[in-house]
C-alpha atoms as a PDB file:
ATOM      1  CA  MET A   1     102.969  67.343  78.590  1.00  0.00           C
ATOM      2  CA  GLU A   2      99.407  68.430  78.921  1.00  0.00           C
ATOM      3  CA  ASN A   3     100.107  69.659  82.564  1.00  0.00           C
ATOM      4  CA  LEU A   4     103.167  71.591  81.472  1.00  0.00           C
ATOM      5  CA  GLU A   5     100.939  73.321  78.768  1.00  0.00           C
ATOM      6  CA  GLN A   6      98.423  74.117  81.406  1.00  0.00           C
ATOM      7  CA  LYS A   7     100.980  75.394  83.867  1.00  0.00           C
ATOM      8  CA  SER A   8     102.460  77.715  81.069  1.00  0.00           C
ATOM      9  CA  LYS A   9      99.155  79.209  80.361  1.00  0.00           C
ATOM     10  CA  SER A  10      98.279  80.089  84.155  1.00  0.00           C
ATOM     11  CA  GLU A  11     101.826  80.981  84.953  1.00  0.00           C
ATOM     12  CA  VAL A  12     103.946  83.308  82.879  1.00  0.00           C
ATOM     13  CA  ALA A  13     107.409  84.348  83.789  1.00  0.00           C
ATOM     14  CA  GLY A  14     106.769  82.997  87.357  1.00  0.00           C
ATOM     15  CA  ILE A  15     103.800  84.813  87.763  1.00  0.00           C
ATOM     16  CA  ALA A  16     100.455  83.264  88.654  1.00  0.00           C
ATOM     17  CA  ALA A  17      98.472  84.968  85.878  1.00  0.00           C
ATOM     18  CA  ASP A  18      94.865  83.926  87.429  1.00  0.00           C
ATOM     19  CA  ARG A  19      95.752  85.147  90.964  1.00  0.00           C
ATOM     20  CA  LEU A  20      97.082  88.360  89.342  1.00  0.00           C
ATOM     21  CA  ARG A  21      93.968  88.936  87.333  1.00  0.00           C
ATOM     22  CA  THR A  22      91.815  88.378  90.278  1.00  0.00           C
ATOM     23  CA  ILE A  23      93.750  90.769  92.502  1.00  0.00           C
ATOM     24  CA  ILE A  24      93.570  93.519  89.747  1.00  0.00           C
ATOM     25  CA  GLU A  25      89.769  92.837  89.274  1.00  0.00           C
ATOM     26  CA  ARG A  26      89.235  93.178  93.086  1.00  0.00           C
ATOM     27  CA  ILE A  27      90.932  96.566  92.900  1.00  0.00           C
ATOM     28  CA  GLU A  28      89.028  97.789  89.812  1.00  0.00           C
ATOM     29  CA  ARG A  29      85.897  96.741  91.460  1.00  0.00           C
ATOM     30  CA  ILE A  30      86.592  98.458  94.820  1.00  0.00           C
ATOM     31  CA  GLU A  31      87.841 101.607  93.124  1.00  0.00           C
ATOM     32  CA  GLU A  32      84.307 101.578  91.367  1.00  0.00           C
ATOM     33  CA  GLU A  33      82.682 101.483  94.763  1.00  0.00           C
ATOM     34  CA  ARG A  34      84.923 104.040  96.079  1.00  0.00           C
ATOM     35  CA  LYS A  35      83.804 106.716  93.265  1.00  0.00           C
ATOM     36  CA  ALA A  36      80.118 105.666  93.998  1.00  0.00           C
ATOM     37  CA  LEU A  37      80.564 106.493  97.490  1.00  0.00           C
ATOM     38  CA  ALA A  38      82.391 109.634  96.755  1.00  0.00           C
ATOM     39  CA  ASP A  39      79.496 110.640  94.387  1.00  0.00           C
ATOM     40  CA  ASP A  40      77.109 109.702  97.351  1.00  0.00           C
ATOM     41  CA  VAL A  41      79.048 112.158  99.512  1.00  0.00           C
ATOM     42  CA  ARG A  42      78.992 114.922  97.128  1.00  0.00           C
ATOM     43  CA  ASP A  43      75.619 114.597  96.882  1.00  0.00           C
ATOM     44  CA  ILE A  44      74.764 114.557 100.534  1.00  0.00           C
ATOM     45  CA  TYR A  45      77.051 117.792 100.773  1.00  0.00           C
ATOM     46  CA  ALA A  46      74.834 119.594  97.932  1.00  0.00           C
ATOM     47  CA  GLU A  47      71.744 118.533  99.879  1.00  0.00           C
ATOM     48  CA  ALA A  48      73.092 120.226 103.220  1.00  0.00           C
ATOM     49  CA  LYS A  49      73.815 123.178 101.113  1.00  0.00           C
ATOM     50  CA  SER A  50      70.547 123.520  99.675  1.00  0.00           C
ATOM     51  CA  ALA A  51      69.158 122.952 103.173  1.00  0.00           C
ATOM     52  CA  GLY A  52      71.037 126.213 104.241  1.00  0.00           C
ATOM     53  CA  PHE A  53      73.789 124.618 106.061  1.00  0.00           C
ATOM     54  CA  ASP A  54      77.555 125.948 105.730  1.00  0.00           C
ATOM     55  CA  VAL A  55      79.220 123.214 103.816  1.00  0.00           C
ATOM     56  CA  PRO A  56      82.735 124.335 104.968  1.00  0.00           C
ATOM     57  CA  ILE A  57      81.572 124.190 108.811  1.00  0.00           C
ATOM     58  CA  ILE A  58      80.239 120.691 108.016  1.00  0.00           C
ATOM     59  CA  ARG A  59      83.478 119.573 106.581  1.00  0.00           C
ATOM     60  CA  ARG A  60      85.479 121.151 109.489  1.00  0.00           C
ATOM     61  CA  ILE A  61      83.126 119.345 112.137  1.00  0.00           C
ATOM     62  CA  ILE A  62      83.500 116.029 110.390  1.00  0.00           C
ATOM     63  CA  LYS A  63      87.402 116.570 110.536  1.00  0.00           C
ATOM     64  CA  ALA A  64      87.134 117.457 114.044  1.00  0.00           C
ATOM     65  CA  ARG A  65      85.099 114.309 114.908  1.00  0.00           C
ATOM     66  CA  LYS A  66      87.718 112.169 113.690  1.00  0.00           C
ATOM     67  CA  GLN A  67      90.599 113.580 115.936  1.00  0.00           C
ATOM     68  CA  ASP A  68      91.601 112.838 119.352  1.00  0.00           C
ATOM     69  CA  PRO A  69      89.493 114.944 121.912  1.00  0.00           C
ATOM     70  CA  SER A  70      92.569 116.214 123.514  1.00  0.00           C
ATOM     71  CA  ASP A  71      94.370 117.010 120.017  1.00  0.00           C
ATOM     72  CA  LEU A  72      91.336 119.014 118.851  1.00  0.00           C
ATOM     73  CA  GLU A  73      91.268 120.827 122.222  1.00  0.00           C
ATOM     74  CA  GLU A  74      95.086 121.675 121.733  1.00  0.00           C
ATOM     75  CA  GLN A  75      94.375 122.892 118.170  1.00  0.00           C
ATOM     76  CA  GLU A  76      91.221 124.834 119.351  1.00  0.00           C
ATOM     77  CA  SER A  77      93.020 126.666 122.061  1.00  0.00           C
ATOM     78  CA  LEU A  78      96.113 127.452 119.876  1.00  0.00           C
ATOM     79  CA  PHE A  79      93.500 128.690 117.250  1.00  0.00           C
ATOM     80  CA  ASP A  80      92.193 131.116 119.908  1.00  0.00           C
ATOM     81  CA  VAL A  81      95.823 132.099 121.015  1.00  0.00           C
ATOM     82  CA  TYR A  82      96.340 133.093 117.088  1.00  0.00           C
ATOM     83  CA  ARG A  83      93.192 134.859 116.631  1.00  0.00           C
ATOM     84  CA  HIS A  84      93.759 136.814 119.810  1.00  0.00           C
ATOM     85  CA  ALA A  85      97.276 137.908 118.722  1.00  0.00           C
ATOM     86  CA  LEU A  86      95.952 139.024 115.504  1.00  0.00           C
ATOM     87  CA  GLY A  87      93.201 141.073 117.235  1.00  0.00           C
ATOM     88  CA  MET A  88      90.224 138.923 116.015  1.00  0.00           C
END
């Protein structure tokens, strides 16, 4: 009887409550870490701005560094074509 009672506490409607709680707590912890990292990134952008750097350009460079070089070259080339077509 004791084993059945213990199982009913840790398993509700076929769900392992302890396992579910552990998963949710891990997700919550990672969400908190992600928020802290986002705050750190925001602080670094503010530091860059106060040092006189152009933040949108820094964001563009970071995005470009993540891309495949051939895709980046194609996009830059198309960007130049569009600018030229607009007389820029």
